[in-house]
Amino acid sequence: MPSARVQGGGGDGGGGSGRFKRALLRNLILGLRKGGVASREMGFHERKGAIKRTADAALAAARGAAPCWSRSLAAELAQAPQQHRSPSSPSSRKMICKKIVRRSLIRRRRRPIRPANNTTAATTKAYGGGGGGVARAMVRKRASVLKEIVPGGKALDMCALLGETLDYAVSLKAQVDVMQLLVRTLQEQKLKNSSGN
């Protein structure tokens, strides 16, 4: 595989630093090789799951044990690797797809249709009162969503949750950059090989 230069800002510990991106790229490539993602015997969903697990493991390993989300993500991957695998039979995949479609249709039916001219009154009534209550309720709702998104976020208070969310978002951005770099490098290599033959 050709060596790819990872561009990134300076610094010694942030999620966007060049050192972090190099460690992430190294861990990602090693994990993809070890996981046998290029195997032709692997189905699409299995390959997708394997790439996601490998990318998550590479991200957690590159970031180290300092942030809570990194420890939580590593523990989750180590604890239940079988849980994330998709079912192997096509019929079970079809059943899962049907469940997802059914669930989304049910959610659509449950949503109340608000009149266009009375949306603020409906929102105020739904959140129980004046402007301060609405804001607090919205903050609580968004914090609960963040707790679900950030690994290990359920055990954090609001301040720690915001710090972990920021660190996780920066690290995910670096992960996206590294994966895009990897795809570009592989595409360039493929073009060179096809034009050279």
C-alpha atoms as a PDB file:
ATOM      1  CA  MET A   1       0.000   0.000   0.000  1.00  0.00           C
ATOM      2  CA  PRO A   2       1.422   3.417  -0.865  1.00  0.00           C
ATOM      3  CA  SER A   3       2.356   5.684   1.960  1.00  0.00           C
ATOM      4  CA  ALA A   4      -0.052   8.540   2.408  1.00  0.00           C
ATOM      5  CA  ARG A   5       0.806  11.813   4.027  1.00  0.00           C
ATOM      6  CA  VAL A   6      -1.611  12.877   6.697  1.00  0.00           C
ATOM      7  CA  GLN A   7      -2.028  16.603   6.868  1.00  0.00           C
ATOM      8  CA  GLY A   8      -3.192  18.117  10.086  1.00  0.00           C
ATOM      9  CA  GLY A   9      -2.670  20.995  12.392  1.00  0.00           C
ATOM     10  CA  GLY A  10       0.108  21.031  14.907  1.00  0.00           C
ATOM     11  CA  GLY A  11      -0.383  20.314  18.539  1.00  0.00           C
ATOM     12  CA  ASP A  12       0.250  17.425  20.782  1.00  0.00           C
ATOM     13  CA  GLY A  13      -3.044  16.041  21.963  1.00  0.00           C
ATOM     14  CA  GLY A  14      -6.059  17.326  20.113  1.00  0.00           C
ATOM     15  CA  GLY A  15      -8.229  15.228  17.856  1.00  0.00           C
ATOM     16  CA  GLY A  16      -7.129  17.192  14.792  1.00  0.00           C
ATOM     17  CA  SER A  17      -3.364  16.922  15.229  1.00  0.00           C
ATOM     18  CA  GLY A  18      -1.188  15.255  12.637  1.00  0.00           C
ATOM     19  CA  ARG A  19       0.154  12.773  15.179  1.00  0.00           C
ATOM     20  CA  PHE A  20      -3.358  11.700  16.122  1.00  0.00           C
ATOM     21  CA  LYS A  21      -4.343  11.276  12.480  1.00  0.00           C
ATOM     22  CA  ARG A  22      -1.219   9.230  11.745  1.00  0.00           C
ATOM     23  CA  ALA A  23      -1.942   6.951  14.706  1.00  0.00           C
ATOM     24  CA  LEU A  24      -5.555   6.644  13.589  1.00  0.00           C
ATOM     25  CA  LEU A  25      -4.528   5.794  10.021  1.00  0.00           C
ATOM     26  CA  ARG A  26      -2.003   3.212  11.220  1.00  0.00           C
ATOM     27  CA  ASN A  27      -4.539   1.570  13.553  1.00  0.00           C
ATOM     28  CA  LEU A  28      -7.213   1.629  10.864  1.00  0.00           C
ATOM     29  CA  ILE A  29      -5.027  -0.021   8.228  1.00  0.00           C
ATOM     30  CA  LEU A  30      -3.800  -2.676  10.658  1.00  0.00           C
ATOM     31  CA  GLY A  31      -7.341  -3.374  11.830  1.00  0.00           C
ATOM     32  CA  LEU A  32      -8.704  -3.643   8.300  1.00  0.00           C
ATOM     33  CA  ARG A  33      -5.948  -6.084   7.356  1.00  0.00           C
ATOM     34  CA  LYS A  34      -6.447  -8.125  10.507  1.00  0.00           C
ATOM     35  CA  GLY A  35     -10.232  -8.158  10.140  1.00  0.00           C
ATOM     36  CA  GLY A  36     -10.114  -9.552   6.613  1.00  0.00           C
ATOM     37  CA  VAL A  37     -12.399  -6.843   5.260  1.00  0.00           C
ATOM     38  CA  ALA A  38     -11.168  -7.454   1.716  1.00  0.00           C
ATOM     39  CA  SER A  39     -12.402 -11.050   1.805  1.00  0.00           C
ATOM     40  CA  ARG A  40     -14.771 -11.910  -1.033  1.00  0.00           C
ATOM     41  CA  GLU A  41     -16.657 -14.296   1.242  1.00  0.00           C
ATOM     42  CA  MET A  42     -17.876 -11.428   3.398  1.00  0.00           C
ATOM     43  CA  GLY A  43     -21.288  -9.981   2.568  1.00  0.00           C
ATOM     44  CA  PHE A  44     -22.014  -6.285   2.256  1.00  0.00           C
ATOM     45  CA  HIS A  45     -23.550  -5.897   5.722  1.00  0.00           C
ATOM     46  CA  GLU A  46     -20.822  -7.962   7.349  1.00  0.00           C
ATOM     47  CA  ARG A  47     -18.154  -5.859   5.635  1.00  0.00           C
ATOM     48  CA  LYS A  48     -19.901  -2.642   6.639  1.00  0.00           C
ATOM     49  CA  GLY A  49     -20.094  -3.782  10.269  1.00  0.00           C
ATOM     50  CA  ALA A  50     -16.469  -4.907  10.256  1.00  0.00           C
ATOM     51  CA  ILE A  51     -15.316  -1.558   8.867  1.00  0.00           C
ATOM     52  CA  LYS A  52     -17.340   0.322  11.484  1.00  0.00           C
ATOM     53  CA  ARG A  53     -15.973  -1.802  14.340  1.00  0.00           C
ATOM     54  CA  THR A  54     -12.432  -1.412  13.014  1.00  0.00           C
ATOM     55  CA  ALA A  55     -12.819   2.353  12.641  1.00  0.00           C
ATOM     56  CA  ASP A  56     -14.241   2.647  16.167  1.00  0.00           C
ATOM     57  CA  ALA A  57     -11.439   0.520  17.614  1.00  0.00           C
ATOM     58  CA  ALA A  58      -8.818   2.549  15.736  1.00  0.00           C
ATOM     59  CA  LEU A  59     -10.360   5.794  16.982  1.00  0.00           C
ATOM     60  CA  ALA A  60     -10.421   4.623  20.605  1.00  0.00           C
ATOM     61  CA  ALA A  61      -6.858   3.287  20.423  1.00  0.00           C
ATOM     62  CA  ALA A  62      -5.487   6.412  18.758  1.00  0.00           C
ATOM     63  CA  ARG A  63      -7.155   8.743  21.260  1.00  0.00           C
ATOM     64  CA  GLY A  64      -5.961   6.793  24.283  1.00  0.00           C
ATOM     65  CA  ALA A  65      -7.637   6.287  27.632  1.00  0.00           C
ATOM     66  CA  ALA A  66      -7.906   9.960  28.610  1.00  0.00           C
ATOM     67  CA  PRO A  67     -11.469  10.728  27.489  1.00  0.00           C
ATOM     68  CA  CYS A  68     -14.402   8.820  28.927  1.00  0.00           C
ATOM     69  CA  TRP A  69     -15.906   8.153  25.490  1.00  0.00           C
ATOM     70  CA  SER A  70     -12.726   6.405  24.361  1.00  0.00           C
ATOM     71  CA  ARG A  71     -12.678   4.036  27.341  1.00  0.00           C
ATOM     72  CA  SER A  72     -16.378   3.383  26.960  1.00  0.00           C
ATOM     73  CA  LEU A  73     -16.096   2.681  23.236  1.00  0.00           C
ATOM     74  CA  ALA A  74     -13.161   0.308  23.760  1.00  0.00           C
ATOM     75  CA  ALA A  75     -15.023  -1.516  26.529  1.00  0.00           C
ATOM     76  CA  GLU A  76     -18.132  -1.814  24.374  1.00  0.00           C
ATOM     77  CA  LEU A  77     -16.137  -3.247  21.469  1.00  0.00           C
ATOM     78  CA  ALA A  78     -14.270  -5.690  23.706  1.00  0.00           C
ATOM     79  CA  GLN A  79     -17.352  -6.771  25.627  1.00  0.00           C
ATOM     80  CA  ALA A  80     -19.731  -7.728  22.852  1.00  0.00           C
ATOM     81  CA  PRO A  81     -18.070  -8.133  19.455  1.00  0.00           C
ATOM     82  CA  GLN A  82     -20.718 -10.660  18.396  1.00  0.00           C
ATOM     83  CA  GLN A  83     -23.549  -8.257  19.176  1.00  0.00           C
ATOM     84  CA  HIS A  84     -22.616  -5.886  16.347  1.00  0.00           C
ATOM     85  CA  ARG A  85     -22.465  -8.512  13.634  1.00  0.00           C
ATOM     86  CA  SER A  86     -25.289  -8.583  11.191  1.00  0.00           C
ATOM     87  CA  PRO A  87     -27.228 -11.788  10.647  1.00  0.00           C
ATOM     88  CA  SER A  88     -25.754 -14.023   7.987  1.00  0.00           C
ATOM     89  CA  SER A  89     -28.882 -15.287   6.285  1.00  0.00           C
ATOM     90  CA  PRO A  90     -30.620 -13.084   3.710  1.00  0.00           C
ATOM     91  CA  SER A  91     -34.046 -13.912   5.161  1.00  0.00           C
ATOM     92  CA  SER A  92     -33.104 -12.561   8.589  1.00  0.00           C
ATOM     93  CA  ARG A  93     -31.728  -9.398   6.969  1.00  0.00           C
ATOM     94  CA  LYS A  94     -35.015  -9.003   5.124  1.00  0.00           C
ATOM     95  CA  MET A  95     -36.943  -9.352   8.390  1.00  0.00           C
ATOM     96  CA  ILE A  96     -34.810  -6.670  10.037  1.00  0.00           C
ATOM     97  CA  CYS A  97     -35.396  -4.309   7.103  1.00  0.00           C
ATOM     98  CA  LYS A  98     -39.139  -4.888   7.323  1.00  0.00           C
ATOM     99  CA  LYS A  99     -39.074  -4.126  11.060  1.00  0.00           C
ATOM    100  CA  ILE A 100     -37.223  -0.868  10.464  1.00  0.00           C
ATOM    101  CA  VAL A 101     -39.677   0.223   7.770  1.00  0.00           C
ATOM    102  CA  ARG A 102     -42.654  -0.737   9.920  1.00  0.00           C
ATOM    103  CA  ARG A 103     -41.240   1.128  12.918  1.00  0.00           C
ATOM    104  CA  SER A 104     -40.665   4.294  10.891  1.00  0.00           C
ATOM    105  CA  LEU A 105     -44.208   4.167   9.495  1.00  0.00           C
ATOM    106  CA  ILE A 106     -45.657   3.787  12.988  1.00  0.00           C
ATOM    107  CA  ARG A 107     -43.636   6.775  14.209  1.00  0.00           C
ATOM    108  CA  ARG A 108     -44.960   8.888  11.366  1.00  0.00           C
ATOM    109  CA  ARG A 109     -48.543   8.018  12.238  1.00  0.00           C
ATOM    110  CA  ARG A 110     -48.051   8.865  15.909  1.00  0.00           C
ATOM    111  CA  ARG A 111     -46.794  12.385  15.298  1.00  0.00           C
ATOM    112  CA  PRO A 112     -49.509  14.933  15.845  1.00  0.00           C
ATOM    113  CA  ILE A 113     -50.100  17.286  12.976  1.00  0.00           C
ATOM    114  CA  ARG A 114     -49.807  20.836  14.224  1.00  0.00           C
ATOM    115  CA  PRO A 115     -51.622  23.685  12.605  1.00  0.00           C
ATOM    116  CA  ALA A 116     -49.221  26.008  10.822  1.00  0.00           C
ATOM    117  CA  ASN A 117     -50.456  29.168  12.532  1.00  0.00           C
ATOM    118  CA  ASN A 118     -50.392  27.861  16.119  1.00  0.00           C
ATOM    119  CA  THR A 119     -46.973  26.202  16.435  1.00  0.00           C
ATOM    120  CA  THR A 120     -45.629  28.393  19.248  1.00  0.00           C
ATOM    121  CA  ALA A 121     -48.708  27.867  21.398  1.00  0.00           C
ATOM    122  CA  ALA A 122     -48.515  24.114  20.877  1.00  0.00           C
ATOM    123  CA  THR A 123     -44.815  24.107  21.767  1.00  0.00           C
ATOM    124  CA  THR A 124     -45.384  26.194  24.887  1.00  0.00           C
ATOM    125  CA  LYS A 125     -48.234  23.969  25.977  1.00  0.00           C
ATOM    126  CA  ALA A 126     -46.231  20.789  25.312  1.00  0.00           C
ATOM    127  CA  TYR A 127     -43.285  21.988  27.405  1.00  0.00           C
ATOM    128  CA  GLY A 128     -45.417  23.338  30.195  1.00  0.00           C
ATOM    129  CA  GLY A 129     -45.524  27.063  30.453  1.00  0.00           C
ATOM    130  CA  GLY A 130     -43.416  30.100  29.782  1.00  0.00           C
ATOM    131  CA  GLY A 131     -40.222  30.672  27.887  1.00  0.00           C
ATOM    132  CA  GLY A 132     -37.829  29.609  30.649  1.00  0.00           C
ATOM    133  CA  GLY A 133     -39.529  26.261  31.047  1.00  0.00           C
ATOM    134  CA  VAL A 134     -39.455  25.664  27.319  1.00  0.00           C
ATOM    135  CA  ALA A 135     -35.741  26.412  27.151  1.00  0.00           C
ATOM    136  CA  ARG A 136     -34.940  24.147  30.107  1.00  0.00           C
ATOM    137  CA  ALA A 137     -37.011  21.332  28.663  1.00  0.00           C
ATOM    138  CA  MET A 138     -35.319  21.664  25.294  1.00  0.00           C
ATOM    139  CA  VAL A 139     -31.876  21.659  26.935  1.00  0.00           C
ATOM    140  CA  ARG A 140     -32.792  18.527  28.916  1.00  0.00           C
ATOM    141  CA  LYS A 141     -34.090  16.837  25.785  1.00  0.00           C
ATOM    142  CA  ARG A 142     -30.982  17.678  23.780  1.00  0.00           C
ATOM    143  CA  ALA A 143     -28.723  16.604  26.638  1.00  0.00           C
ATOM    144  CA  SER A 144     -30.475  13.239  26.765  1.00  0.00           C
ATOM    145  CA  VAL A 145     -29.931  12.859  23.013  1.00  0.00           C
ATOM    146  CA  LEU A 146     -26.237  13.691  23.478  1.00  0.00           C
ATOM    147  CA  LYS A 147     -26.004  11.112  26.250  1.00  0.00           C
ATOM    148  CA  GLU A 148     -27.253   8.506  23.799  1.00  0.00           C
ATOM    149  CA  ILE A 149     -24.861   9.550  21.020  1.00  0.00           C
ATOM    150  CA  VAL A 150     -21.605   9.951  22.952  1.00  0.00           C
ATOM    151  CA  PRO A 151     -20.201   6.631  24.193  1.00  0.00           C
ATOM    152  CA  GLY A 152     -20.252   6.605  27.992  1.00  0.00           C
ATOM    153  CA  GLY A 153     -22.342   9.774  28.052  1.00  0.00           C
ATOM    154  CA  LYS A 154     -25.097   8.339  30.230  1.00  0.00           C
ATOM    155  CA  ALA A 155     -22.899   8.499  33.320  1.00  0.00           C
ATOM    156  CA  LEU A 156     -21.773  12.109  32.844  1.00  0.00           C
ATOM    157  CA  ASP A 157     -23.079  15.372  34.232  1.00  0.00           C
ATOM    158  CA  MET A 158     -23.853  18.285  31.907  1.00  0.00           C
ATOM    159  CA  CYS A 159     -20.421  19.985  31.975  1.00  0.00           C
ATOM    160  CA  ALA A 160     -18.485  16.762  31.504  1.00  0.00           C
ATOM    161  CA  LEU A 161     -20.927  15.715  28.789  1.00  0.00           C
ATOM    162  CA  LEU A 162     -20.274  18.896  26.817  1.00  0.00           C
ATOM    163  CA  GLY A 163     -16.509  18.463  27.099  1.00  0.00           C
ATOM    164  CA  GLU A 164     -16.679  14.813  26.060  1.00  0.00           C
ATOM    165  CA  THR A 165     -19.010  15.696  23.185  1.00  0.00           C
ATOM    166  CA  LEU A 166     -16.587  18.301  21.901  1.00  0.00           C
ATOM    167  CA  ASP A 167     -13.645  15.904  22.109  1.00  0.00           C
ATOM    168  CA  TYR A 168     -15.659  13.109  20.476  1.00  0.00           C
ATOM    169  CA  ALA A 169     -16.831  15.376  17.641  1.00  0.00           C
ATOM    170  CA  VAL A 170     -13.281  16.558  16.912  1.00  0.00           C
ATOM    171  CA  SER A 171     -12.060  12.959  16.938  1.00  0.00           C
ATOM    172  CA  LEU A 172     -14.869  11.864  14.618  1.00  0.00           C
ATOM    173  CA  LYS A 173     -13.957  14.680  12.233  1.00  0.00           C
ATOM    174  CA  ALA A 174     -10.366  13.435  12.230  1.00  0.00           C
ATOM    175  CA  GLN A 175     -11.642   9.897  11.607  1.00  0.00           C
ATOM    176  CA  VAL A 176     -13.650  11.096   8.607  1.00  0.00           C
ATOM    177  CA  ASP A 177     -10.604  12.945   7.251  1.00  0.00           C
ATOM    178  CA  VAL A 178      -8.420   9.852   7.602  1.00  0.00           C
ATOM    179  CA  MET A 179     -10.991   7.570   5.989  1.00  0.00           C
ATOM    180  CA  GLN A 180     -11.425  10.002   3.082  1.00  0.00           C
ATOM    181  CA  LEU A 181      -7.651  10.101   2.677  1.00  0.00           C
ATOM    182  CA  LEU A 182      -7.563   6.315   2.636  1.00  0.00           C
ATOM    183  CA  VAL A 183     -10.306   6.141  -0.002  1.00  0.00           C
ATOM    184  CA  ARG A 184      -8.577   8.762  -2.182  1.00  0.00           C
ATOM    185  CA  THR A 185      -5.274   6.914  -1.902  1.00  0.00           C
ATOM    186  CA  LEU A 186      -6.856   3.598  -2.836  1.00  0.00           C
ATOM    187  CA  GLN A 187      -8.692   5.177  -5.781  1.00  0.00           C
ATOM    188  CA  GLU A 188      -5.480   6.774  -7.051  1.00  0.00           C
ATOM    189  CA  GLN A 189      -3.692   3.442  -6.729  1.00  0.00           C
ATOM    190  CA  LYS A 190      -6.502   1.722  -8.629  1.00  0.00           C
ATOM    191  CA  LEU A 191      -6.320   4.325 -11.419  1.00  0.00           C
ATOM    192  CA  LYS A 192      -2.545   3.929 -11.669  1.00  0.00           C
ATOM    193  CA  ASN A 193      -2.873   0.164 -11.864  1.00  0.00           C
ATOM    194  CA  SER A 194      -5.609   0.300 -14.511  1.00  0.00           C
ATOM    195  CA  SER A 195      -3.781   2.858 -16.673  1.00  0.00           C
ATOM    196  CA  GLY A 196      -0.458   1.046 -16.322  1.00  0.00           C
ATOM    197  CA  ASN A 197      -1.821  -2.257 -17.676  1.00  0.00           C
END
